[in-house]
Amino acid sequence: QERVDGAIEDVKQELLNYCNENKPDSLPCISNDLDYSGAIHEIVNGSVPIHTKEIEDTWYLYASELEEAYKNAGFGTNPRANHGMVAIYCYISDKVNEWYHDEAQEVFEEWQENQPQEQE
């Protein structure tokens, strides 16, 4: 969960950075706008553990969720392929996208409220 929470915080910061740079009128698309540069992919990828013990601990705690995320992504039939890291990536990515769908609008509206008003 710490990895998911960290990824979400990083995506939230990426959203704010994108908004500050581009001043959008509506919530940017996580795939087409925020991840255009690969930033979201990098955040999720960087959240996947690389050490065998951490990977095995993650699988011990979340095996069914990881298997489901892998299956839903349609990558194949073996969620433990590549030491199970792809399934962990899928799980973190799913959680990031769920957060974005459920909560990012609120972050965006807060950002909009804090923007200086243009004078006419």
Protein backbone atom coordinates (compact mmCIF):
# COMPACT_ATOMS: atom_id res chain seq x y z
CA GLN A 1 0.00 0.00 0.00
CA GLU A 2 2.91 2.34 0.66
CA ARG A 3 4.02 1.94 -2.94
CA VAL A 4 0.50 2.68 -4.20
CA ASP A 5 0.20 5.71 -1.92
CA GLY A 6 3.59 7.00 -3.05
CA ALA A 7 2.67 6.57 -6.71
CA ILE A 8 -0.60 8.42 -6.16
CA GLU A 9 1.19 11.30 -4.46
CA ASP A 10 3.66 11.50 -7.34
CA VAL A 11 0.82 11.46 -9.89
CA LYS A 12 -0.95 14.19 -7.93
CA GLN A 13 2.23 16.28 -8.12
CA GLU A 14 2.54 15.53 -11.84
CA LEU A 15 -1.05 16.74 -12.31
CA LEU A 16 -0.27 19.98 -10.50
CA ASN A 17 2.95 20.45 -12.49
CA TYR A 18 1.07 19.86 -15.73
CA CYS A 19 -1.63 22.34 -14.71
CA ASN A 20 0.92 24.98 -13.74
CA GLU A 21 2.73 24.62 -17.06
CA ASN A 22 -0.30 24.30 -19.37
CA LYS A 23 -3.16 26.12 -17.58
CA PRO A 24 -5.86 23.71 -18.83
CA ASP A 25 -9.58 24.59 -18.66
CA SER A 26 -10.58 21.06 -17.70
CA LEU A 27 -9.05 18.06 -15.98
CA PRO A 28 -6.22 16.73 -18.17
CA CYS A 29 -6.42 13.14 -19.38
CA ILE A 30 -4.03 10.94 -17.42
CA SER A 31 -3.10 8.97 -20.55
CA ASN A 32 -3.04 11.55 -23.32
CA ASP A 33 -1.91 14.63 -21.38
CA LEU A 34 -0.03 13.64 -18.23
CA ASP A 35 1.58 10.52 -19.67
CA TYR A 36 2.39 12.04 -23.07
CA SER A 37 5.99 12.35 -21.89
CA GLY A 38 5.91 8.96 -20.16
CA ALA A 39 5.83 10.55 -16.71
CA ILE A 40 2.96 8.41 -15.35
CA HIS A 41 4.56 5.25 -16.69
CA GLU A 42 7.82 6.24 -14.98
CA ILE A 43 6.04 6.88 -11.68
CA VAL A 44 4.28 3.52 -11.71
CA ASN A 45 7.37 1.68 -12.94
CA GLY A 46 9.47 3.31 -10.24
CA SER A 47 6.99 2.09 -7.62
CA VAL A 48 7.47 -1.58 -8.49
CA PRO A 49 9.86 -3.32 -6.10
CA ILE A 50 13.05 -4.69 -7.62
CA HIS A 51 14.41 -6.76 -4.75
CA THR A 52 13.30 -10.38 -4.60
CA LYS A 53 12.30 -10.25 -0.93
CA GLU A 54 10.08 -7.20 -1.47
CA ILE A 55 8.52 -8.80 -4.54
CA GLU A 56 7.82 -12.05 -2.66
CA ASP A 57 6.43 -10.15 0.35
CA THR A 58 4.13 -8.22 -1.98
CA TRP A 59 2.93 -11.44 -3.59
CA TYR A 60 2.39 -13.03 -0.18
CA LEU A 61 0.15 -10.16 0.91
CA TYR A 62 -1.65 -9.32 -2.35
CA ALA A 63 -1.50 -12.41 -4.60
CA SER A 64 -5.18 -12.45 -5.58
CA GLU A 65 -5.25 -8.71 -6.29
CA LEU A 66 -2.05 -8.93 -8.34
CA GLU A 67 -3.34 -11.88 -10.32
CA GLU A 68 -6.59 -10.05 -11.04
CA ALA A 69 -4.80 -6.87 -12.16
CA TYR A 70 -2.55 -8.92 -14.45
CA LYS A 71 -5.51 -10.80 -15.91
CA ASN A 72 -7.46 -7.57 -16.48
CA ALA A 73 -4.49 -6.03 -18.29
CA GLY A 74 -4.52 -8.90 -20.77
CA PHE A 75 -0.76 -9.52 -20.75
CA GLY A 76 -1.03 -13.29 -20.72
CA THR A 77 -1.74 -16.22 -18.48
CA ASN A 78 1.24 -16.24 -16.09
CA PRO A 79 1.10 -13.39 -13.56
CA ARG A 80 4.39 -14.59 -12.07
CA ALA A 81 6.22 -14.02 -15.35
CA ASN A 82 9.21 -11.71 -14.99
CA HIS A 83 9.30 -12.56 -11.27
CA GLY A 84 5.76 -11.20 -10.87
CA MET A 85 6.87 -7.63 -11.38
CA VAL A 86 4.51 -7.03 -14.32
CA ALA A 87 1.53 -8.00 -12.19
CA ILE A 88 2.68 -5.58 -9.48
CA TYR A 89 3.01 -2.87 -12.12
CA CYS A 90 -0.54 -3.63 -13.32
CA TYR A 91 -1.88 -3.43 -9.77
CA ILE A 92 -0.20 -0.11 -8.99
CA SER A 93 -1.29 1.28 -12.35
CA ASP A 94 -4.89 0.22 -11.67
CA LYS A 95 -4.85 1.91 -8.27
CA VAL A 96 -3.36 5.10 -9.72
CA ASN A 97 -6.02 5.18 -12.43
CA GLU A 98 -8.78 4.52 -9.89
CA TRP A 99 -7.53 7.43 -7.78
CA TYR A 100 -7.34 9.67 -10.84
CA HIS A 101 -10.88 8.78 -11.87
CA ASP A 102 -12.26 9.27 -8.33
CA GLU A 103 -10.18 12.12 -6.88
CA ALA A 104 -8.22 14.07 -9.50
CA GLN A 105 -11.13 16.36 -10.36
CA GLU A 106 -11.09 17.64 -6.78
CA VAL A 107 -7.34 18.31 -6.97
CA PHE A 108 -7.85 20.08 -10.31
CA GLU A 109 -10.67 22.26 -8.94
CA GLU A 110 -8.54 23.19 -5.95
CA TRP A 111 -5.75 24.16 -8.33
CA GLN A 112 -8.21 26.28 -10.37
CA GLU A 113 -9.41 28.09 -7.26
CA ASN A 114 -5.85 29.03 -6.38
CA GLN A 115 -5.08 30.58 -9.76
CA PRO A 116 -4.90 34.37 -9.93
CA GLN A 117 -7.92 35.85 -11.67
CA GLU A 118 -7.25 37.63 -14.94
CA GLN A 119 -8.26 41.26 -14.95
CA GLU A 120 -10.30 42.52 -17.84
